[in-house]
Amino acid sequence: MSDGVHLVHLCSISDWLEARSSGVLEPESLTQQGFVHLSERTQVHIPANLLYRDHSDLVLLSIDPQRVGGEIVWEDGDPPSDDGTQFPHLYDSLPTSAVIGVERYEMDDSGRYPQLN
């Protein structure tokens, strides 16, 4: 991963509030797949539209990769994309101290999550 890459994580508002109380975010993917799903800001719409179309309460957590403490590995998505796009996976829980920004992430008028800059 190159310096300056802006990583994000999607979660529900309630999951974020719970993580703030405990100091750590441990999504289901950590137990089920062994890692926390992360994305670059410019690609977060891909997993959002595949996995969260039935959610309307998403927040986008901006992550400082230097603060996560665990290993971040760039790997194929699940399912893999036709163009070979890879996503960052954090092989540890996500400490809330690594979160440097929080913003709502909402669908556009077409009912899809938009691509961000």
PDB file of N, CA and C in Angstrom:
ATOM      1  N   MET A   1       0.844  -1.175   0.000  1.00  0.00           N
ATOM      2  CA  MET A   1       0.000   0.000   0.000  1.00  0.00           C
ATOM      3  C   MET A   1       0.881   1.227   0.000  1.00  0.00           C
ATOM      4  N   SER A   2       0.555   2.185  -0.831  1.00  0.00           N
ATOM      5  CA  SER A   2       1.358   3.402  -0.894  1.00  0.00           C
ATOM      6  C   SER A   2       0.921   4.395   0.166  1.00  0.00           C
ATOM      7  N   ASP A   3       1.846   5.274   0.542  1.00  0.00           N
ATOM      8  CA  ASP A   3       1.530   6.309   1.510  1.00  0.00           C
ATOM      9  C   ASP A   3       0.450   7.215   0.942  1.00  0.00           C
ATOM     10  N   GLY A   4      -0.398   7.739   1.815  1.00  0.00           N
ATOM     11  CA  GLY A   4      -1.414   8.679   1.395  1.00  0.00           C
ATOM     12  C   GLY A   4      -2.696   8.044   0.906  1.00  0.00           C
ATOM     13  N   VAL A   5      -2.793   6.715   0.864  1.00  0.00           N
ATOM     14  CA  VAL A   5      -4.027   6.063   0.465  1.00  0.00           C
ATOM     15  C   VAL A   5      -5.055   6.287   1.564  1.00  0.00           C
ATOM     16  N   HIS A   6      -6.231   6.729   1.159  1.00  0.00           N
ATOM     17  CA  HIS A   6      -7.306   7.023   2.089  1.00  0.00           C
ATOM     18  C   HIS A   6      -8.193   5.785   2.215  1.00  0.00           C
ATOM     19  N   LEU A   7      -8.140   5.116   3.355  1.00  0.00           N
ATOM     20  CA  LEU A   7      -8.931   3.910   3.564  1.00  0.00           C
ATOM     21  C   LEU A   7     -10.189   4.231   4.346  1.00  0.00           C
ATOM     22  N   VAL A   8     -11.243   3.470   4.058  1.00  0.00           N
ATOM     23  CA  VAL A   8     -12.515   3.652   4.747  1.00  0.00           C
ATOM     24  C   VAL A   8     -13.107   2.293   5.101  1.00  0.00           C
ATOM     25  N   HIS A   9     -14.029   2.327   6.060  1.00  0.00           N
ATOM     26  CA  HIS A   9     -14.790   1.144   6.448  1.00  0.00           C
ATOM     27  C   HIS A   9     -16.251   1.555   6.553  1.00  0.00           C
ATOM     28  N   LEU A  10     -17.146   0.716   6.061  1.00  0.00           N
ATOM     29  CA  LEU A  10     -18.584   0.951   6.158  1.00  0.00           C
ATOM     30  C   LEU A  10     -19.156   0.195   7.340  1.00  0.00           C
ATOM     31  N   CYS A  11     -20.030   0.842   8.092  1.00  0.00           N
ATOM     32  CA  CYS A  11     -20.758   0.144   9.145  1.00  0.00           C
ATOM     33  C   CYS A  11     -22.035   0.913   9.448  1.00  0.00           C
ATOM     34  N   SER A  12     -22.915   0.296  10.221  1.00  0.00           N
ATOM     35  CA  SER A  12     -24.142   0.975  10.626  1.00  0.00           C
ATOM     36  C   SER A  12     -23.823   1.986  11.720  1.00  0.00           C
ATOM     37  N   ILE A  13     -24.700   2.937  11.872  1.00  0.00           N
ATOM     38  CA  ILE A  13     -24.528   3.927  12.934  1.00  0.00           C
ATOM     39  C   ILE A  13     -24.485   3.236  14.288  1.00  0.00           C
ATOM     40  N   SER A  14     -25.357   2.257  14.508  1.00  0.00           N
ATOM     41  CA  SER A  14     -25.387   1.566  15.807  1.00  0.00           C
ATOM     42  C   SER A  14     -24.093   0.801  16.064  1.00  0.00           C
ATOM     43  N   ASP A  15     -23.523   0.181  15.031  1.00  0.00           N
ATOM     44  CA  ASP A  15     -22.239  -0.516  15.213  1.00  0.00           C
ATOM     45  C   ASP A  15     -21.131   0.474  15.565  1.00  0.00           C
ATOM     46  N   TRP A  16     -21.161   1.657  14.953  1.00  0.00           N
ATOM     47  CA  TRP A  16     -20.151   2.669  15.255  1.00  0.00           C
ATOM     48  C   TRP A  16     -20.292   3.165  16.695  1.00  0.00           C
ATOM     49  N   LEU A  17     -21.524   3.409  17.132  1.00  0.00           N
ATOM     50  CA  LEU A  17     -21.738   3.880  18.504  1.00  0.00           C
ATOM     51  C   LEU A  17     -21.283   2.834  19.519  1.00  0.00           C
ATOM     52  N   GLU A  18     -21.555   1.571  19.230  1.00  0.00           N
ATOM     53  CA  GLU A  18     -21.100   0.480  20.105  1.00  0.00           C
ATOM     54  C   GLU A  18     -19.571   0.415  20.137  1.00  0.00           C
ATOM     55  N   ALA A  19     -18.943   0.563  18.985  1.00  0.00           N
ATOM     56  CA  ALA A  19     -17.474   0.531  18.915  1.00  0.00           C
ATOM     57  C   ALA A  19     -16.867   1.692  19.693  1.00  0.00           C
ATOM     58  N   ARG A  20     -17.473   2.857  19.605  1.00  0.00           N
ATOM     59  CA  ARG A  20     -16.962   4.008  20.359  1.00  0.00           C
ATOM     60  C   ARG A  20     -16.986   3.733  21.855  1.00  0.00           C
ATOM     61  N   SER A  21     -18.003   3.018  22.307  1.00  0.00           N
ATOM     62  CA  SER A  21     -18.095   2.691  23.736  1.00  0.00           C
ATOM     63  C   SER A  21     -17.027   1.694  24.161  1.00  0.00           C
ATOM     64  N   SER A  22     -16.741   0.724  23.291  1.00  0.00           N
ATOM     65  CA  SER A  22     -15.783  -0.332  23.645  1.00  0.00           C
ATOM     66  C   SER A  22     -14.347   0.001  23.238  1.00  0.00           C
ATOM     67  N   GLY A  23     -14.179   0.934  22.305  1.00  0.00           N
ATOM     68  CA  GLY A  23     -12.847   1.299  21.831  1.00  0.00           C
ATOM     69  C   GLY A  23     -12.357   0.469  20.664  1.00  0.00           C
ATOM     70  N   VAL A  24     -13.194  -0.470  20.197  1.00  0.00           N
ATOM     71  CA  VAL A  24     -12.762  -1.334  19.101  1.00  0.00           C
ATOM     72  C   VAL A  24     -13.979  -1.769  18.281  1.00  0.00           C
ATOM     73  N   LEU A  25     -13.788  -1.856  16.969  1.00  0.00           N
ATOM     74  CA  LEU A  25     -14.831  -2.334  16.071  1.00  0.00           C
ATOM     75  C   LEU A  25     -14.469  -3.748  15.640  1.00  0.00           C
ATOM     76  N   GLU A  26     -15.386  -4.679  15.885  1.00  0.00           N
ATOM     77  CA  GLU A  26     -15.181  -6.082  15.511  1.00  0.00           C
ATOM     78  C   GLU A  26     -16.393  -6.556  14.719  1.00  0.00           C
ATOM     79  N   PRO A  27     -16.445  -6.243  13.430  1.00  0.00           N
ATOM     80  CA  PRO A  27     -17.591  -6.642  12.613  1.00  0.00           C
ATOM     81  C   PRO A  27     -17.659  -8.154  12.436  1.00  0.00           C
ATOM     82  N   GLU A  28     -18.822  -8.620  11.991  1.00  0.00           N
ATOM     83  CA  GLU A  28     -19.023 -10.059  11.771  1.00  0.00           C
ATOM     84  C   GLU A  28     -17.963 -10.654  10.855  1.00  0.00           C
ATOM     85  N   SER A  29     -17.493  -9.882   9.895  1.00  0.00           N
ATOM     86  CA  SER A  29     -16.498 -10.408   8.950  1.00  0.00           C
ATOM     87  C   SER A  29     -15.213 -10.836   9.652  1.00  0.00           C
ATOM     88  N   LEU A  30     -14.899 -10.219  10.786  1.00  0.00           N
ATOM     89  CA  LEU A  30     -13.684 -10.593  11.511  1.00  0.00           C
ATOM     90  C   LEU A  30     -13.795 -12.025  12.022  1.00  0.00           C
ATOM     91  N   THR A  31     -14.968 -12.396  12.511  1.00  0.00           N
ATOM     92  CA  THR A  31     -15.201 -13.762  12.987  1.00  0.00           C
ATOM     93  C   THR A  31     -15.402 -14.727  11.826  1.00  0.00           C
ATOM     94  N   GLN A  32     -16.198 -14.318  10.845  1.00  0.00           N
ATOM     95  CA  GLN A  32     -16.565 -15.207   9.744  1.00  0.00           C
ATOM     96  C   GLN A  32     -15.460 -15.386   8.708  1.00  0.00           C
ATOM     97  N   GLN A  33     -14.729 -14.307   8.399  1.00  0.00           N
ATOM     98  CA  GLN A  33     -13.724 -14.368   7.338  1.00  0.00           C
ATOM     99  C   GLN A  33     -12.307 -14.112   7.840  1.00  0.00           C
ATOM    100  N   GLY A  34     -12.193 -13.645   9.074  1.00  0.00           N
ATOM    101  CA  GLY A  34     -10.879 -13.420   9.657  1.00  0.00           C
ATOM    102  C   GLY A  34     -10.296 -12.040   9.420  1.00  0.00           C
ATOM    103  N   PHE A  35     -11.088 -11.139   8.832  1.00  0.00           N
ATOM    104  CA  PHE A  35     -10.586  -9.790   8.579  1.00  0.00           C
ATOM    105  C   PHE A  35     -11.723  -8.775   8.568  1.00  0.00           C
ATOM    106  N   VAL A  36     -11.337  -7.501   8.668  1.00  0.00           N
ATOM    107  CA  VAL A  36     -12.258  -6.377   8.551  1.00  0.00           C
ATOM    108  C   VAL A  36     -12.150  -5.848   7.122  1.00  0.00           C
ATOM    109  N   HIS A  37     -13.289  -5.717   6.451  1.00  0.00           N
ATOM    110  CA  HIS A  37     -13.314  -5.173   5.090  1.00  0.00           C
ATOM    111  C   HIS A  37     -13.006  -3.684   5.117  1.00  0.00           C
ATOM    112  N   LEU A  38     -12.036  -3.269   4.332  1.00  0.00           N
ATOM    113  CA  LEU A  38     -11.734  -1.859   4.124  1.00  0.00           C
ATOM    114  C   LEU A  38     -11.806  -1.594   2.625  1.00  0.00           C
ATOM    115  N   SER A  39     -11.807  -0.342   2.260  1.00  0.00           N
ATOM    116  CA  SER A  39     -11.800   0.062   0.852  1.00  0.00           C
ATOM    117  C   SER A  39     -11.041   1.366   0.729  1.00  0.00           C
ATOM    118  N   GLU A  40     -10.611   1.658  -0.481  1.00  0.00           N
ATOM    119  CA  GLU A  40     -10.208   3.024  -0.778  1.00  0.00           C
ATOM    120  C   GLU A  40     -11.501   3.823  -0.897  1.00  0.00           C
ATOM    121  N   ARG A  41     -11.433   5.091  -0.607  1.00  0.00           N
ATOM    122  CA  ARG A  41     -12.624   5.937  -0.686  1.00  0.00           C
ATOM    123  C   ARG A  41     -13.252   5.874  -2.086  1.00  0.00           C
ATOM    124  N   THR A  42     -12.427   5.820  -3.119  1.00  0.00           N
ATOM    125  CA  THR A  42     -12.928   5.826  -4.497  1.00  0.00           C
ATOM    126  C   THR A  42     -13.568   4.506  -4.923  1.00  0.00           C
ATOM    127  N   GLN A  43     -13.419   3.451  -4.118  1.00  0.00           N
ATOM    128  CA  GLN A  43     -13.989   2.156  -4.501  1.00  0.00           C
ATOM    129  C   GLN A  43     -15.051   1.664  -3.524  1.00  0.00           C
ATOM    130  N   VAL A  44     -15.356   2.440  -2.488  1.00  0.00           N
ATOM    131  CA  VAL A  44     -16.271   1.971  -1.446  1.00  0.00           C
ATOM    132  C   VAL A  44     -17.687   1.737  -1.978  1.00  0.00           C
ATOM    133  N   HIS A  45     -18.045   2.381  -3.070  1.00  0.00           N
ATOM    134  CA  HIS A  45     -19.376   2.159  -3.644  1.00  0.00           C
ATOM    135  C   HIS A  45     -19.557   0.717  -4.124  1.00  0.00           C
ATOM    136  N   ILE A  46     -18.475   0.046  -4.458  1.00  0.00           N
ATOM    137  CA  ILE A  46     -18.578  -1.334  -4.964  1.00  0.00           C
ATOM    138  C   ILE A  46     -19.111  -2.264  -3.877  1.00  0.00           C
ATOM    139  N   PRO A  47     -18.448  -2.380  -2.710  1.00  0.00           N
ATOM    140  CA  PRO A  47     -19.021  -3.234  -1.671  1.00  0.00           C
ATOM    141  C   PRO A  47     -20.332  -2.686  -1.110  1.00  0.00           C
ATOM    142  N   ALA A  48     -20.488  -1.367  -1.091  1.00  0.00           N
ATOM    143  CA  ALA A  48     -21.739  -0.796  -0.578  1.00  0.00           C
ATOM    144  C   ALA A  48     -22.925  -1.275  -1.406  1.00  0.00           C
ATOM    145  N   ASN A  49     -22.786  -1.255  -2.719  1.00  0.00           N
ATOM    146  CA  ASN A  49     -23.884  -1.666  -3.591  1.00  0.00           C
ATOM    147  C   ASN A  49     -24.067  -3.176  -3.642  1.00  0.00           C
ATOM    148  N   LEU A  50     -23.015  -3.937  -3.381  1.00  0.00           N
ATOM    149  CA  LEU A  50     -23.132  -5.397  -3.356  1.00  0.00           C
ATOM    150  C   LEU A  50     -23.680  -5.914  -2.025  1.00  0.00           C
ATOM    151  N   LEU A  51     -23.264  -5.298  -0.928  1.00  0.00           N
ATOM    152  CA  LEU A  51     -23.532  -5.861   0.397  1.00  0.00           C
ATOM    153  C   LEU A  51     -24.518  -5.076   1.255  1.00  0.00           C
ATOM    154  N   TYR A  52     -24.733  -3.807   0.954  1.00  0.00           N
ATOM    155  CA  TYR A  52     -25.502  -2.955   1.870  1.00  0.00           C
ATOM    156  C   TYR A  52     -26.693  -2.265   1.218  1.00  0.00           C
ATOM    157  N   ARG A  53     -27.205  -2.798   0.135  1.00  0.00           N
ATOM    158  CA  ARG A  53     -28.334  -2.156  -0.552  1.00  0.00           C
ATOM    159  C   ARG A  53     -29.576  -2.081   0.327  1.00  0.00           C
ATOM    160  N   ASP A  54     -29.689  -2.969   1.316  1.00  0.00           N
ATOM    161  CA  ASP A  54     -30.862  -2.960   2.195  1.00  0.00           C
ATOM    162  C   ASP A  54     -30.628  -2.165   3.478  1.00  0.00           C
ATOM    163  N   HIS A  55     -29.534  -1.415   3.548  1.00  0.00           N
ATOM    164  CA  HIS A  55     -29.227  -0.587   4.720  1.00  0.00           C
ATOM    165  C   HIS A  55     -29.390   0.892   4.369  1.00  0.00           C
ATOM    166  N   SER A  56     -29.946   1.627   5.298  1.00  0.00           N
ATOM    167  CA  SER A  56     -30.086   3.071   5.082  1.00  0.00           C
ATOM    168  C   SER A  56     -29.420   3.864   6.201  1.00  0.00           C
ATOM    169  N   ASP A  57     -28.649   3.174   7.022  1.00  0.00           N
ATOM    170  CA  ASP A  57     -28.053   3.825   8.198  1.00  0.00           C
ATOM    171  C   ASP A  57     -26.530   3.700   8.206  1.00  0.00           C
ATOM    172  N   LEU A  58     -25.914   3.793   7.035  1.00  0.00           N
ATOM    173  CA  LEU A  58     -24.467   3.578   6.949  1.00  0.00           C
ATOM    174  C   LEU A  58     -23.669   4.834   7.270  1.00  0.00           C
ATOM    175  N   VAL A  59     -22.544   4.600   7.922  1.00  0.00           N
ATOM    176  CA  VAL A  59     -21.547   5.649   8.086  1.00  0.00           C
ATOM    177  C   VAL A  59     -20.253   5.164   7.455  1.00  0.00           C
ATOM    178  N   LEU A  60     -19.494   6.109   6.993  1.00  0.00           N
ATOM    179  CA  LEU A  60     -18.205   5.863   6.364  1.00  0.00           C
ATOM    180  C   LEU A  60     -17.140   6.306   7.356  1.00  0.00           C
ATOM    181  N   LEU A  61     -16.347   5.352   7.811  1.00  0.00           N
ATOM    182  CA  LEU A  61     -15.281   5.651   8.761  1.00  0.00           C
ATOM    183  C   LEU A  61     -13.987   5.848   7.989  1.00  0.00           C
ATOM    184  N   SER A  62     -13.385   7.003   8.100  1.00  0.00           N
ATOM    185  CA  SER A  62     -12.075   7.253   7.485  1.00  0.00           C
ATOM    186  C   SER A  62     -11.006   6.726   8.426  1.00  0.00           C
ATOM    187  N   ILE A  63     -10.101   5.922   7.885  1.00  0.00           N
ATOM    188  CA  ILE A  63      -9.125   5.189   8.685  1.00  0.00           C
ATOM    189  C   ILE A  63      -7.708   5.679   8.394  1.00  0.00           C
ATOM    190  N   ASP A  64      -6.944   5.881   9.457  1.00  0.00           N
ATOM    191  CA  ASP A  64      -5.508   6.152   9.325  1.00  0.00           C
ATOM    192  C   ASP A  64      -4.797   4.802   9.388  1.00  0.00           C
ATOM    193  N   PRO A  65      -4.272   4.299   8.260  1.00  0.00           N
ATOM    194  CA  PRO A  65      -3.642   2.978   8.243  1.00  0.00           C
ATOM    195  C   PRO A  65      -2.479   2.839   9.224  1.00  0.00           C
ATOM    196  N   GLN A  66      -1.836   3.943   9.566  1.00  0.00           N
ATOM    197  CA  GLN A  66      -0.702   3.893  10.499  1.00  0.00           C
ATOM    198  C   GLN A  66      -1.146   3.618  11.930  1.00  0.00           C
ATOM    199  N   ARG A  67      -2.438   3.769  12.208  1.00  0.00           N
ATOM    200  CA  ARG A  67      -2.948   3.599  13.572  1.00  0.00           C
ATOM    201  C   ARG A  67      -3.666   2.271  13.814  1.00  0.00           C
ATOM    202  N   VAL A  68      -3.803   1.441  12.793  1.00  0.00           N
ATOM    203  CA  VAL A  68      -4.619   0.238  12.977  1.00  0.00           C
ATOM    204  C   VAL A  68      -3.938  -0.829  13.824  1.00  0.00           C
ATOM    205  N   GLY A  69      -2.643  -0.924  13.765  1.00  0.00           N
ATOM    206  CA  GLY A  69      -1.939  -1.904  14.588  1.00  0.00           C
ATOM    207  C   GLY A  69      -1.843  -3.287  13.977  1.00  0.00           C
ATOM    208  N   GLY A  70      -2.810  -3.681  13.167  1.00  0.00           N
ATOM    209  CA  GLY A  70      -2.784  -5.001  12.545  1.00  0.00           C
ATOM    210  C   GLY A  70      -2.320  -4.917  11.105  1.00  0.00           C
ATOM    211  N   GLU A  71      -2.221  -6.080  10.483  1.00  0.00           N
ATOM    212  CA  GLU A  71      -1.751  -6.162   9.101  1.00  0.00           C
ATOM    213  C   GLU A  71      -2.884  -5.873   8.119  1.00  0.00           C
ATOM    214  N   ILE A  72      -2.614  -5.014   7.146  1.00  0.00           N
ATOM    215  CA  ILE A  72      -3.547  -4.738   6.058  1.00  0.00           C
ATOM    216  C   ILE A  72      -2.995  -5.398   4.802  1.00  0.00           C
ATOM    217  N   VAL A  73      -3.811  -6.270   4.202  1.00  0.00           N
ATOM    218  CA  VAL A  73      -3.405  -7.013   3.006  1.00  0.00           C
ATOM    219  C   VAL A  73      -4.376  -6.682   1.877  1.00  0.00           C
ATOM    220  N   TRP A  74      -3.838  -6.361   0.710  1.00  0.00           N
ATOM    221  CA  TRP A  74      -4.666  -6.091  -0.469  1.00  0.00           C
ATOM    222  C   TRP A  74      -4.945  -7.410  -1.176  1.00  0.00           C
ATOM    223  N   GLU A  75      -6.247  -7.735  -1.335  1.00  0.00           N
ATOM    224  CA  GLU A  75      -6.655  -9.027  -1.894  1.00  0.00           C
ATOM    225  C   GLU A  75      -7.860  -8.848  -2.808  1.00  0.00           C
ATOM    226  N   ASP A  76      -8.145  -9.899  -3.581  1.00  0.00           N
ATOM    227  CA  ASP A  76      -9.334  -9.901  -4.423  1.00  0.00           C
ATOM    228  C   ASP A  76     -10.578  -9.754  -3.564  1.00  0.00           C
ATOM    229  N   GLY A  77     -11.595  -9.133  -4.157  1.00  0.00           N
ATOM    230  CA  GLY A  77     -12.882  -9.031  -3.487  1.00  0.00           C
ATOM    231  C   GLY A  77     -13.588 -10.375  -3.495  1.00  0.00           C
ATOM    232  N   ASP A  78     -14.728 -10.431  -2.831  1.00  0.00           N
ATOM    233  CA  ASP A  78     -15.519 -11.658  -2.787  1.00  0.00           C
ATOM    234  C   ASP A  78     -16.957 -11.292  -3.130  1.00  0.00           C
ATOM    235  N   PRO A  79     -17.390 -11.513  -4.362  1.00  0.00           N
ATOM    236  CA  PRO A  79     -16.706 -12.239  -5.428  1.00  0.00           C
ATOM    237  C   PRO A  79     -15.645 -11.367  -6.102  1.00  0.00           C
ATOM    238  N   PRO A  80     -14.656 -12.015  -6.734  1.00  0.00           N
ATOM    239  CA  PRO A  80     -13.608 -11.256  -7.424  1.00  0.00           C
ATOM    240  C   PRO A  80     -14.199 -10.418  -8.561  1.00  0.00           C
ATOM    241  N   SER A  81     -13.631  -9.254  -8.782  1.00  0.00           N
ATOM    242  CA  SER A  81     -14.111  -8.398  -9.870  1.00  0.00           C
ATOM    243  C   SER A  81     -13.476  -8.825 -11.190  1.00  0.00           C
ATOM    244  N   ASP A  82     -14.174  -8.527 -12.266  1.00  0.00           N
ATOM    245  CA  ASP A  82     -13.669  -8.870 -13.602  1.00  0.00           C
ATOM    246  C   ASP A  82     -12.388  -8.124 -13.944  1.00  0.00           C
ATOM    247  N   ASP A  83     -12.224  -6.930 -13.376  1.00  0.00           N
ATOM    248  CA  ASP A  83     -11.052  -6.117 -13.717  1.00  0.00           C
ATOM    249  C   ASP A  83      -9.880  -6.310 -12.755  1.00  0.00           C
ATOM    250  N   GLY A  84     -10.006  -7.236 -11.806  1.00  0.00           N
ATOM    251  CA  GLY A  84      -8.903  -7.529 -10.896  1.00  0.00           C
ATOM    252  C   GLY A  84      -8.743  -6.554  -9.748  1.00  0.00           C
ATOM    253  N   THR A  85      -9.747  -5.714  -9.507  1.00  0.00           N
ATOM    254  CA  THR A  85      -9.684  -4.756  -8.404  1.00  0.00           C
ATOM    255  C   THR A  85      -9.464  -5.481  -7.088  1.00  0.00           C
ATOM    256  N   GLN A  86      -8.530  -4.987  -6.311  1.00  0.00           N
ATOM    257  CA  GLN A  86      -8.261  -5.564  -4.995  1.00  0.00           C
ATOM    258  C   GLN A  86      -8.699  -4.594  -3.906  1.00  0.00           C
ATOM    259  N   PHE A  87      -8.976  -5.157  -2.735  1.00  0.00           N
ATOM    260  CA  PHE A  87      -9.448  -4.391  -1.594  1.00  0.00           C
ATOM    261  C   PHE A  87      -8.552  -4.650  -0.397  1.00  0.00           C
ATOM    262  N   PRO A  88      -8.386  -3.656   0.468  1.00  0.00           N
ATOM    263  CA  PRO A  88      -7.599  -3.848   1.683  1.00  0.00           C
ATOM    264  C   PRO A  88      -8.407  -4.579   2.749  1.00  0.00           C
ATOM    265  N   HIS A  89      -7.789  -5.560   3.362  1.00  0.00           N
ATOM    266  CA  HIS A  89      -8.395  -6.319   4.459  1.00  0.00           C
ATOM    267  C   HIS A  89      -7.505  -6.184   5.685  1.00  0.00           C
ATOM    268  N   LEU A  90      -8.113  -5.834   6.805  1.00  0.00           N
ATOM    269  CA  LEU A  90      -7.397  -5.689   8.069  1.00  0.00           C
ATOM    270  C   LEU A  90      -7.538  -6.982   8.851  1.00  0.00           C
ATOM    271  N   TYR A  91      -6.430  -7.656   9.103  1.00  0.00           N
ATOM    272  CA  TYR A  91      -6.443  -8.933   9.817  1.00  0.00           C
ATOM    273  C   TYR A  91      -6.304  -8.712  11.321  1.00  0.00           C
ATOM    274  N   ASP A  92      -7.229  -7.951  11.863  1.00  0.00           N
ATOM    275  CA  ASP A  92      -7.288  -7.639  13.291  1.00  0.00           C
ATOM    276  C   ASP A  92      -8.551  -6.811  13.491  1.00  0.00           C
ATOM    277  N   SER A  93      -8.903  -6.560  14.740  1.00  0.00           N
ATOM    278  CA  SER A  93     -10.010  -5.650  14.996  1.00  0.00           C
ATOM    279  C   SER A  93      -9.568  -4.227  14.661  1.00  0.00           C
ATOM    280  N   LEU A  94     -10.528  -3.348  14.494  1.00  0.00           N
ATOM    281  CA  LEU A  94     -10.243  -1.962  14.132  1.00  0.00           C
ATOM    282  C   LEU A  94     -10.373  -1.085  15.374  1.00  0.00           C
ATOM    283  N   PRO A  95      -9.262  -0.559  15.884  1.00  0.00           N
ATOM    284  CA  PRO A  95      -9.353   0.325  17.049  1.00  0.00           C
ATOM    285  C   PRO A  95     -10.006   1.654  16.654  1.00  0.00           C
ATOM    286  N   THR A  96     -10.881   2.150  17.505  1.00  0.00           N
ATOM    287  CA  THR A  96     -11.539   3.419  17.185  1.00  0.00           C
ATOM    288  C   THR A  96     -10.539   4.570  17.137  1.00  0.00           C
ATOM    289  N   SER A  97      -9.390   4.402  17.752  1.00  0.00           N
ATOM    290  CA  SER A  97      -8.353   5.441  17.697  1.00  0.00           C
ATOM    291  C   SER A  97      -7.783   5.605  16.288  1.00  0.00           C
ATOM    292  N   ALA A  98      -8.024   4.627  15.405  1.00  0.00           N
ATOM    293  CA  ALA A  98      -7.568   4.719  14.019  1.00  0.00           C
ATOM    294  C   ALA A  98      -8.569   5.461  13.136  1.00  0.00           C
ATOM    295  N   VAL A  99      -9.756   5.728  13.669  1.00  0.00           N
ATOM    296  CA  VAL A  99     -10.800   6.419  12.910  1.00  0.00           C
ATOM    297  C   VAL A  99     -10.566   7.923  13.009  1.00  0.00           C
ATOM    298  N   ILE A 100     -10.336   8.543  11.862  1.00  0.00           N
ATOM    299  CA  ILE A 100     -10.020   9.977  11.847  1.00  0.00           C
ATOM    300  C   ILE A 100     -11.154  10.819  11.268  1.00  0.00           C
ATOM    301  N   GLY A 101     -12.245  10.173  10.885  1.00  0.00           N
ATOM    302  CA  GLY A 101     -13.404  10.902  10.374  1.00  0.00           C
ATOM    303  C   GLY A 101     -14.592   9.977  10.240  1.00  0.00           C
ATOM    304  N   VAL A 102     -15.782  10.531  10.413  1.00  0.00           N
ATOM    305  CA  VAL A 102     -17.026   9.769  10.298  1.00  0.00           C
ATOM    306  C   VAL A 102     -18.018  10.624   9.517  1.00  0.00           C
ATOM    307  N   GLU A 103     -18.645  10.022   8.509  1.00  0.00           N
ATOM    308  CA  GLU A 103     -19.666  10.745   7.751  1.00  0.00           C
ATOM    309  C   GLU A 103     -20.753   9.787   7.299  1.00  0.00           C
ATOM    310  N   ARG A 104     -21.957  10.306   7.147  1.00  0.00           N
ATOM    311  CA  ARG A 104     -23.050   9.495   6.615  1.00  0.00           C
ATOM    312  C   ARG A 104     -22.742   9.130   5.165  1.00  0.00           C
ATOM    313  N   TYR A 105     -23.196   7.946   4.767  1.00  0.00           N
ATOM    314  CA  TYR A 105     -23.047   7.520   3.372  1.00  0.00           C
ATOM    315  C   TYR A 105     -24.420   7.078   2.917  1.00  0.00           C
ATOM    316  N   GLU A 106     -25.012   7.851   2.033  1.00  0.00           N
ATOM    317  CA  GLU A 106     -26.395   7.621   1.635  1.00  0.00           C
ATOM    318  C   GLU A 106     -26.497   7.308   0.150  1.00  0.00           C
ATOM    319  N   MET A 107     -27.564   6.605  -0.197  1.00  0.00           N
ATOM    320  CA  MET A 107     -27.838   6.297  -1.598  1.00  0.00           C
ATOM    321  C   MET A 107     -28.225   7.570  -2.344  1.00  0.00           C
ATOM    322  N   ASP A 108     -27.979   7.547  -3.646  1.00  0.00           N
ATOM    323  CA  ASP A 108     -28.405   8.671  -4.479  1.00  0.00           C
ATOM    324  C   ASP A 108     -29.858   8.463  -4.903  1.00  0.00           C
ATOM    325  N   ASP A 109     -30.365   9.327  -5.749  1.00  0.00           N
ATOM    326  CA  ASP A 109     -31.768   9.264  -6.174  1.00  0.00           C
ATOM    327  C   ASP A 109     -32.105   7.997  -6.951  1.00  0.00           C
ATOM    328  N   SER A 110     -31.087   7.336  -7.501  1.00  0.00           N
ATOM    329  CA  SER A 110     -31.332   6.103  -8.258  1.00  0.00           C
ATOM    330  C   SER A 110     -31.345   4.867  -7.356  1.00  0.00           C
ATOM    331  N   GLY A 111     -31.116   5.059  -6.050  1.00  0.00           N
ATOM    332  CA  GLY A 111     -31.127   3.932  -5.121  1.00  0.00           C
ATOM    333  C   GLY A 111     -29.810   3.184  -5.057  1.00  0.00           C
ATOM    334  N   ARG A 112     -28.738   3.844  -5.468  1.00  0.00           N
ATOM    335  CA  ARG A 112     -27.408   3.233  -5.426  1.00  0.00           C
ATOM    336  C   ARG A 112     -26.481   4.122  -4.616  1.00  0.00           C
ATOM    337  N   TYR A 113     -25.458   3.489  -4.045  1.00  0.00           N
ATOM    338  CA  TYR A 113     -24.433   4.262  -3.349  1.00  0.00           C
ATOM    339  C   TYR A 113     -23.491   4.851  -4.393  1.00  0.00           C
ATOM    340  N   PRO A 114     -23.233   6.150  -4.330  1.00  0.00           N
ATOM    341  CA  PRO A 114     -22.419   6.800  -5.355  1.00  0.00           C
ATOM    342  C   PRO A 114     -20.924   6.580  -5.156  1.00  0.00           C
ATOM    343  N   GLN A 115     -20.190   6.667  -6.258  1.00  0.00           N
ATOM    344  CA  GLN A 115     -18.731   6.646  -6.181  1.00  0.00           C
ATOM    345  C   GLN A 115     -18.270   7.966  -5.589  1.00  0.00           C
ATOM    346  N   LEU A 116     -17.294   7.898  -4.695  1.00  0.00           N
ATOM    347  CA  LEU A 116     -16.770   9.085  -4.027  1.00  0.00           C
ATOM    348  C   LEU A 116     -15.399   9.440  -4.571  1.00  0.00           C
ATOM    349  N   ASN A 117     -14.995  10.648  -4.354  1.00  0.00           N
ATOM    350  CA  ASN A 117     -13.659  11.112  -4.749  1.00  0.00           C
ATOM    351  C   ASN A 117     -12.675  10.886  -3.633  1.00  0.00           C
TER     352      ASN A 117
END
